[in-house]
């Protein structure tokens, strides 16, 4: 059976868990339209990604 050779301190344990925190989604404002969208994602309202038309924009409902 695997047994640790020495005790893991609370500091080391907590440093390992530092990346487990849940973070809020970040949004950026589009330079042209001013709409908010996630970085590195397509703006679904305009269909633009990095200055290029990638998909057809959604129709307003």
C-alpha atoms as a PDB file:
ATOM      1  CA  UNK A   1       0.000   0.000   0.000  1.00  0.00           C
ATOM      2  CA  UNK A   2       1.316   3.462  -0.899  1.00  0.00           C
ATOM      3  CA  UNK A   3       2.086   5.585   2.119  1.00  0.00           C
ATOM      4  CA  UNK A   4       3.530   9.100   1.987  1.00  0.00           C
ATOM      5  CA  UNK A   5       7.083   9.326   3.264  1.00  0.00           C
ATOM      6  CA  UNK A   6       6.420  12.606   5.067  1.00  0.00           C
ATOM      7  CA  UNK A   7       3.505  14.824   6.019  1.00  0.00           C
ATOM      8  CA  UNK A   8       2.290  17.306   3.437  1.00  0.00           C
ATOM      9  CA  UNK A   9       2.067  20.698   5.116  1.00  0.00           C
ATOM     10  CA  UNK A  10      -1.106  22.775   4.960  1.00  0.00           C
ATOM     11  CA  UNK A  11       0.791  25.342   2.925  1.00  0.00           C
ATOM     12  CA  UNK A  12       1.787  22.856   0.204  1.00  0.00           C
ATOM     13  CA  UNK A  13      -1.696  21.331   0.159  1.00  0.00           C
ATOM     14  CA  UNK A  14      -3.358  24.720  -0.211  1.00  0.00           C
ATOM     15  CA  UNK A  15      -0.918  25.830  -2.919  1.00  0.00           C
ATOM     16  CA  UNK A  16      -1.858  22.743  -4.917  1.00  0.00           C
ATOM     17  CA  UNK A  17      -5.551  23.555  -4.529  1.00  0.00           C
ATOM     18  CA  UNK A  18      -5.130  27.208  -5.533  1.00  0.00           C
ATOM     19  CA  UNK A  19      -6.175  26.431  -9.118  1.00  0.00           C
ATOM     20  CA  UNK A  20      -9.398  24.698  -8.076  1.00  0.00           C
ATOM     21  CA  UNK A  21     -11.280  27.928  -7.322  1.00  0.00           C
ATOM     22  CA  UNK A  22     -14.269  28.658  -9.549  1.00  0.00           C
ATOM     23  CA  UNK A  23     -13.798  31.898 -11.456  1.00  0.00           C
ATOM     24  CA  UNK A  24     -16.358  34.154 -13.099  1.00  0.00           C
ATOM     25  CA  UNK A  25     -16.498  34.220 -16.889  1.00  0.00           C
ATOM     26  CA  UNK A  26     -14.766  37.222 -18.381  1.00  0.00           C
ATOM     27  CA  UNK A  27     -16.278  39.262 -21.161  1.00  0.00           C
ATOM     28  CA  UNK A  28     -14.737  41.807 -23.497  1.00  0.00           C
ATOM     29  CA  UNK A  29     -16.420  44.609 -25.379  1.00  0.00           C
ATOM     30  CA  UNK A  30     -16.409  44.398 -29.176  1.00  0.00           C
ATOM     31  CA  UNK A  31     -14.560  47.376 -30.670  1.00  0.00           C
ATOM     32  CA  UNK A  32     -17.035  47.881 -33.494  1.00  0.00           C
ATOM     33  CA  UNK A  33     -20.459  47.054 -32.058  1.00  0.00           C
ATOM     34  CA  UNK A  34     -19.838  47.466 -28.339  1.00  0.00           C
ATOM     35  CA  UNK A  35     -21.435  44.070 -27.619  1.00  0.00           C
ATOM     36  CA  UNK A  36     -20.009  41.890 -24.853  1.00  0.00           C
ATOM     37  CA  UNK A  37     -18.659  38.445 -25.729  1.00  0.00           C
ATOM     38  CA  UNK A  38     -16.156  35.985 -24.302  1.00  0.00           C
ATOM     39  CA  UNK A  39     -12.559  36.366 -25.438  1.00  0.00           C
ATOM     40  CA  UNK A  40     -11.430  33.948 -28.171  1.00  0.00           C
ATOM     41  CA  UNK A  41     -15.087  33.140 -28.984  1.00  0.00           C
ATOM     42  CA  UNK A  42     -17.297  34.133 -31.900  1.00  0.00           C
ATOM     43  CA  UNK A  43     -19.629  37.075 -31.329  1.00  0.00           C
ATOM     44  CA  UNK A  44     -22.949  35.347 -32.063  1.00  0.00           C
ATOM     45  CA  UNK A  45     -24.868  38.570 -32.690  1.00  0.00           C
ATOM     46  CA  UNK A  46     -22.579  39.730 -35.489  1.00  0.00           C
ATOM     47  CA  UNK A  47     -20.914  36.450 -36.506  1.00  0.00           C
ATOM     48  CA  UNK A  48     -17.478  38.077 -36.410  1.00  0.00           C
ATOM     49  CA  UNK A  49     -14.259  36.582 -35.051  1.00  0.00           C
ATOM     50  CA  UNK A  50     -10.970  38.503 -35.166  1.00  0.00           C
ATOM     51  CA  UNK A  51     -12.304  40.926 -37.764  1.00  0.00           C
ATOM     52  CA  UNK A  52     -13.628  38.254 -40.146  1.00  0.00           C
ATOM     53  CA  UNK A  53     -17.184  37.137 -40.866  1.00  0.00           C
ATOM     54  CA  UNK A  54     -17.218  33.516 -39.702  1.00  0.00           C
ATOM     55  CA  UNK A  55     -20.928  32.675 -39.464  1.00  0.00           C
ATOM     56  CA  UNK A  56     -24.135  34.317 -40.513  1.00  0.00           C
ATOM     57  CA  UNK A  57     -25.434  36.665 -37.790  1.00  0.00           C
ATOM     58  CA  UNK A  58     -28.491  35.648 -35.803  1.00  0.00           C
ATOM     59  CA  UNK A  59     -31.771  37.276 -36.792  1.00  0.00           C
ATOM     60  CA  UNK A  60     -33.326  39.524 -34.184  1.00  0.00           C
ATOM     61  CA  UNK A  61     -36.338  37.860 -32.644  1.00  0.00           C
END
